[in-house]
Structures are given as C-alpha cells and as structure tokens.
Protein backbone atom coordinates (compact mmCIF):
# COMPACT_ATOMS: atom_id res chain seq x y z
CA MET A 1 -24.39 -126.97 42.65
CA PRO A 2 -23.03 -128.70 39.54
CA THR A 3 -19.77 -130.51 40.14
CA ALA A 4 -17.97 -128.63 37.37
CA LEU A 5 -18.34 -125.05 36.17
CA GLY A 6 -16.33 -123.53 33.36
CA PRO A 7 -14.52 -120.18 33.47
CA ALA A 8 -16.88 -117.34 32.59
CA SER A 9 -16.77 -113.69 31.61
CA ARG A 10 -16.54 -111.27 34.54
CA ASP A 11 -18.41 -108.67 32.48
CA SER A 12 -21.27 -111.11 31.84
CA ALA A 13 -21.43 -111.98 35.53
CA ALA A 14 -21.46 -108.31 36.52
CA GLN A 15 -24.19 -107.55 33.97
CA TRP A 16 -26.30 -110.41 35.33
CA ALA A 17 -25.76 -109.26 38.92
CA ARG A 18 -26.71 -105.66 38.14
CA ALA A 19 -29.92 -106.88 36.50
CA THR A 20 -31.04 -108.33 39.86
CA LEU A 21 -31.10 -104.84 41.41
CA PRO A 22 -34.09 -102.52 41.09
CA ARG A 23 -33.54 -99.82 38.47
CA THR A 24 -34.91 -97.11 40.74
CA PRO A 25 -34.90 -96.64 44.53
CA ALA A 26 -37.11 -99.24 46.20
CA LEU A 27 -38.65 -99.72 49.63
CA ILE A 28 -39.42 -103.25 50.82
CA ARG A 29 -41.53 -103.97 53.91
CA PHE A 30 -41.39 -107.44 55.39
CA ARG A 31 -42.10 -109.65 58.39
CA TRP A 32 -39.18 -111.61 59.83
CA HIS A 33 -38.43 -114.48 62.17
CA TYR A 34 -35.04 -115.41 63.67
CA GLN A 35 -34.05 -118.36 65.79
CA ASP A 36 -30.95 -120.15 66.99
CA GLU A 37 -30.23 -122.70 69.71
CA ARG A 38 -30.82 -120.09 72.42
CA VAL A 39 -33.47 -117.58 71.29
CA LYS A 40 -36.39 -116.92 68.99
CA TYR A 41 -37.37 -113.46 67.76
CA ALA A 42 -39.92 -112.10 65.30
CA GLY A 43 -40.96 -108.70 64.06
CA ARG A 44 -41.24 -106.30 61.14
CA GLY A 45 -38.64 -104.64 58.96
CA THR A 46 -37.97 -102.25 56.11
CA VAL A 47 -35.23 -102.27 53.51
CA ARG A 48 -34.44 -99.24 51.37
CA ILE A 49 -32.42 -99.87 48.22
CA GLN A 50 -30.54 -97.11 46.43
CA PRO A 51 -28.99 -98.58 43.27
CA PRO A 52 -26.35 -99.57 42.55
CA ASP A 53 -24.91 -100.54 45.94
CA SER A 54 -26.59 -98.94 48.97
CA LEU A 55 -29.02 -100.58 51.40
CA ARG A 56 -30.57 -99.43 54.66
CA PHE A 57 -31.99 -102.16 56.89
CA ASP A 58 -34.43 -101.28 59.71
CA TYR A 59 -36.02 -103.82 62.02
CA VAL A 60 -38.24 -103.88 65.09
CA GLY A 61 -39.30 -106.69 67.40
CA PRO A 62 -42.82 -107.59 68.55
CA LEU A 63 -44.83 -104.76 70.11
CA GLY A 64 -42.21 -102.29 68.94
CA LEU A 65 -39.47 -103.69 71.17
CA GLY A 66 -35.85 -104.26 70.17
CA SER A 67 -35.45 -101.92 67.19
CA GLY A 68 -32.27 -101.38 65.19
CA ALA A 69 -30.90 -100.19 61.87
CA ALA A 70 -27.85 -100.46 59.64
CA VAL A 71 -26.51 -99.05 56.39
CA ILE A 72 -24.62 -101.29 53.99
CA ILE A 73 -22.67 -100.23 50.93
CA GLY A 74 -21.63 -103.14 48.78
CA ASP A 75 -20.53 -105.85 51.20
CA SER A 76 -19.47 -103.45 53.97
CA VAL A 77 -21.48 -102.38 57.01
CA VAL A 78 -21.02 -98.60 57.22
CA TRP A 79 -22.78 -98.38 60.58
CA ALA A 80 -25.15 -100.48 62.66
CA ASP A 81 -27.08 -99.46 65.77
CA PRO A 82 -27.00 -101.47 67.97
CA ASP A 83 -24.00 -103.04 66.25
CA LYS A 84 -24.04 -106.32 68.21
CA ASP A 85 -27.77 -106.91 67.64
CA PHE A 86 -27.53 -106.32 63.90
CA ARG A 87 -24.52 -108.60 63.46
CA SER A 88 -26.28 -111.32 65.45
CA LEU A 89 -29.35 -111.00 63.25
CA VAL A 90 -27.40 -110.66 59.99
CA PRO A 91 -23.95 -112.26 60.36
CA ALA A 92 -23.49 -112.70 56.59
CA VAL A 93 -23.99 -109.52 54.55
CA PRO A 94 -23.87 -111.18 51.09
CA MET A 95 -26.73 -113.41 52.22
CA LEU A 96 -28.79 -110.35 53.18
CA TRP A 97 -28.56 -109.07 49.60
CA ALA A 98 -29.42 -112.54 48.30
CA ALA A 99 -32.42 -112.83 50.64
CA PHE A 100 -33.95 -109.90 48.78
CA ALA A 101 -33.12 -111.57 45.44
CA MET A 102 -30.19 -109.25 44.71
CA VAL A 103 -26.58 -110.12 43.90
CA ARG A 104 -23.44 -108.07 44.28
CA PRO A 105 -21.16 -108.18 41.18
CA PRO A 106 -17.90 -110.13 41.49
CA THR A 107 -14.89 -108.22 42.77
CA GLU A 108 -11.79 -107.66 40.67
CA GLN A 109 -10.02 -110.33 42.73
CA ALA A 110 -12.66 -113.01 42.14
CA ALA A 111 -12.31 -115.85 39.66
CA VAL A 112 -15.63 -116.22 37.86
CA PHE A 113 -17.23 -119.49 36.78
CA GLY A 114 -20.66 -120.11 35.29
CA ALA A 115 -23.04 -122.36 33.39
CA GLN A 116 -26.49 -122.35 31.78
CA LEU A 117 -28.45 -125.43 32.86
CA GLU A 118 -31.85 -125.73 31.19
CA GLN A 119 -33.89 -123.00 32.92
CA ARG A 120 -31.26 -122.17 35.52
CA VAL A 121 -28.23 -119.89 35.50
CA VAL A 122 -25.33 -120.82 37.77
CA TRP A 123 -22.52 -118.50 38.86
CA GLN A 124 -19.61 -118.90 41.23
CA PHE A 125 -17.39 -116.03 42.39
CA ALA A 126 -14.26 -117.46 44.02
CA GLN A 127 -11.96 -115.19 46.03
CA PRO A 128 -8.88 -116.16 48.08
CA ALA A 129 -10.93 -116.50 51.28
CA ASP A 130 -14.60 -116.44 50.24
CA THR A 131 -16.59 -118.25 47.58
CA LEU A 132 -20.10 -117.15 46.64
CA ALA A 133 -22.28 -119.36 44.46
CA TYR A 134 -25.69 -118.54 42.98
CA VAL A 135 -28.36 -120.55 41.18
CA ALA A 136 -31.07 -118.41 39.56
CA THR A 137 -34.37 -119.74 38.23
CA PRO A 138 -36.39 -116.99 36.50
CA PRO A 139 -40.21 -116.72 36.56
CA ASP A 140 -41.73 -118.90 33.84
CA SER A 141 -44.52 -118.62 31.29
CA ALA A 142 -46.93 -120.41 33.62
CA ARG A 143 -46.83 -117.29 35.81
CA ARG A 144 -44.91 -119.02 38.53
CA GLY A 145 -42.32 -117.07 40.44
CA GLY A 146 -38.60 -117.69 40.26
CA MET A 147 -35.94 -118.42 42.86
CA LEU A 148 -32.44 -117.28 43.76
CA GLU A 149 -30.38 -119.76 45.76
CA ALA A 150 -27.06 -118.69 47.27
CA GLU A 151 -24.22 -120.29 49.20
CA TRP A 152 -21.31 -118.63 50.97
CA ARG A 153 -18.17 -120.50 51.95
CA ARG A 154 -15.14 -119.10 53.77
CA ARG A 155 -11.87 -120.99 53.29
CA GLY A 156 -13.91 -123.93 52.09
CA LYS A 157 -16.17 -124.02 55.16
CA LEU A 158 -19.88 -123.36 54.77
CA VAL A 159 -21.03 -120.04 56.26
CA ALA A 160 -24.62 -119.74 55.05
CA ARG A 161 -27.16 -120.83 52.46
CA SER A 162 -30.20 -118.87 51.34
CA TRP A 163 -33.33 -119.43 49.27
CA ALA A 164 -35.23 -116.40 47.98
CA ARG A 165 -38.54 -116.82 46.16
CA LEU A 166 -39.54 -114.23 43.57
CA ASP A 167 -43.01 -113.28 42.39
CA THR A 168 -43.99 -113.14 38.72
CA LEU A 169 -42.54 -109.62 38.45
CA ALA A 170 -39.18 -110.92 39.73
CA HIS A 171 -39.62 -109.02 43.01
CA PRO A 172 -38.64 -110.74 46.28
CA ALA A 173 -41.54 -112.54 47.95
CA SER A 174 -40.02 -114.63 50.76
CA ALA A 175 -36.67 -115.98 51.85
CA ARG A 176 -34.83 -118.21 54.29
CA ILE A 177 -31.19 -118.05 55.35
CA ASP A 178 -29.61 -120.97 57.19
CA PHE A 179 -26.34 -120.16 58.96
CA ALA A 180 -23.81 -122.87 59.62
CA ASP A 181 -22.54 -123.76 63.07
CA ALA A 182 -18.92 -123.52 64.17
CA ALA A 183 -18.14 -126.81 62.42
CA GLY A 184 -19.46 -125.51 59.10
CA LYS A 185 -22.60 -127.64 59.16
CA THR A 186 -26.17 -126.45 58.73
CA GLY A 187 -28.25 -126.39 61.87
CA GLY A 188 -27.11 -123.10 63.33
CA ALA A 189 -29.24 -119.96 63.21
CA ARG A 190 -32.09 -119.35 60.77
CA PHE A 191 -33.52 -116.07 59.48
CA GLU A 192 -36.79 -116.02 57.51
CA LEU A 193 -38.73 -113.18 55.94
CA THR A 194 -41.95 -112.59 54.04
CA VAL A 195 -42.33 -109.47 51.91
CA VAL A 196 -45.58 -107.56 52.43
CA ALA A 197 -44.93 -104.53 50.18
CA PHE A 198 -42.57 -103.55 47.36
CA ASP A 199 -42.65 -99.87 46.45
CA THR A 200 -40.55 -98.13 43.78
CA ALA A 201 -42.26 -94.73 44.10
CA GLN A 202 -39.75 -93.58 46.67
CA VAL A 203 -37.44 -90.61 47.14
CA PHE A 204 -35.04 -91.10 50.04
CA ALA A 205 -33.81 -88.14 52.07
CA PRO A 206 -29.99 -88.06 52.49
CA VAL A 207 -30.40 -88.18 56.27
CA ILE A 208 -31.48 -91.85 56.23
CA TRP A 209 -27.94 -92.92 55.32
CA ARG A 210 -26.43 -91.19 58.34
CA SER A 211 -25.82 -92.91 61.62
CA ARG A 212 -28.59 -92.64 64.21
CA ARG A 213 -26.04 -91.58 66.83
C-alpha cells in the first residue's frame, strides 16, 4: 500500500465497488484448499451471487465428506450450517467477497481514501475498528488478467490479506487468502481456490436463501 492516500469521494468509492459485482445473478464453481498449523482440507464449492449484496456459499470435502453452507448479506452471516465449520473455513467475511474479486461499498461510518497509481486503483475504507484496503489492477490490452488485492486490519492489527486473479473478462479465476495469527502476523491459516466455471445464466429459487435446518 502507498504510504499516503488522500481523502476521496464516498460516492466514487461506492460506484467502483458496485462495478466489481456481476450485473446479473451468477453461479461460480471452484476447487478449494485450506490449511492451518493443525489440519489440511480440500474439496469443491459453489458460490451464488444475487446482486447487490447476497451470497450463498456451499462447500464439500473430498469424496463428498464434510459439507456445509452459509448465506451472507453484505458483511453479515445470516446463517451457517455447520456454523463452527464455516467460521473456521471463512473467518473473515470481507475477504471472502474479495477472493471472488468483489468489493463491498464503504459504510456510512467509514472514512474513504483513494489514489490512482499508473494502472492501479487504490482504496482504503477506515472505520473505528476495521480498516479495509484494496488495490485493483484491471485486465490490460495484452489480454492479461487483472488482480484485486485486499487487506483487513482490526484496531490496527492485521487480520487477513487476499490476492484474487481475474481473467480477461474480469471474472474471478483464482485466489489466496492468508489469515494472520494471534499476534497479527502472517503465517496462520491459508485458503486457496481455483474457479472452474462462471455462469450468469442462472435463476435462483427463493428457497436457497433459507436455512437448511
């Protein structure tokens, strides 16, 4: 991150964030891998996006073992089943959005800072407790994909960093999230994913947003 960012327009930041979301409902299928100092897991998953703020996350372990699901609206987990498993896999909801190359707009309480640096756009949304920072590099004329980098700090201590690669259509292609340890240093858990399908020809039934219980 640059050492100094100037105050920026909240409306401009919100417009930029909304542009990272798909314009229509989207279904994303992916492979994932999770590891920390104790365990390693891998499997498959599906994310359903209903603009502007709803996400359903489904995952399953190898050979169909260890499945779970959750619904997120904005930055809040509406329900998760099993709750403990989901929060272990995804302890930082803003980073889950960022892993799929999507950004939530700044809240009314956030101070907004930003800068345009050559081919990169930098934003920082600072709230009393949390600070979210993003560096976006769009796909270029050489048909190379872009990248969205994100960092989340809570009361100044690092919580997580993510790197999401985009394809030439600006769709998510792969991502990695590194979670900090208790001291706020990288080297804690890691969650990685590789997108295998991105489908916008979807109509979601209302039942998918309801709890499985």
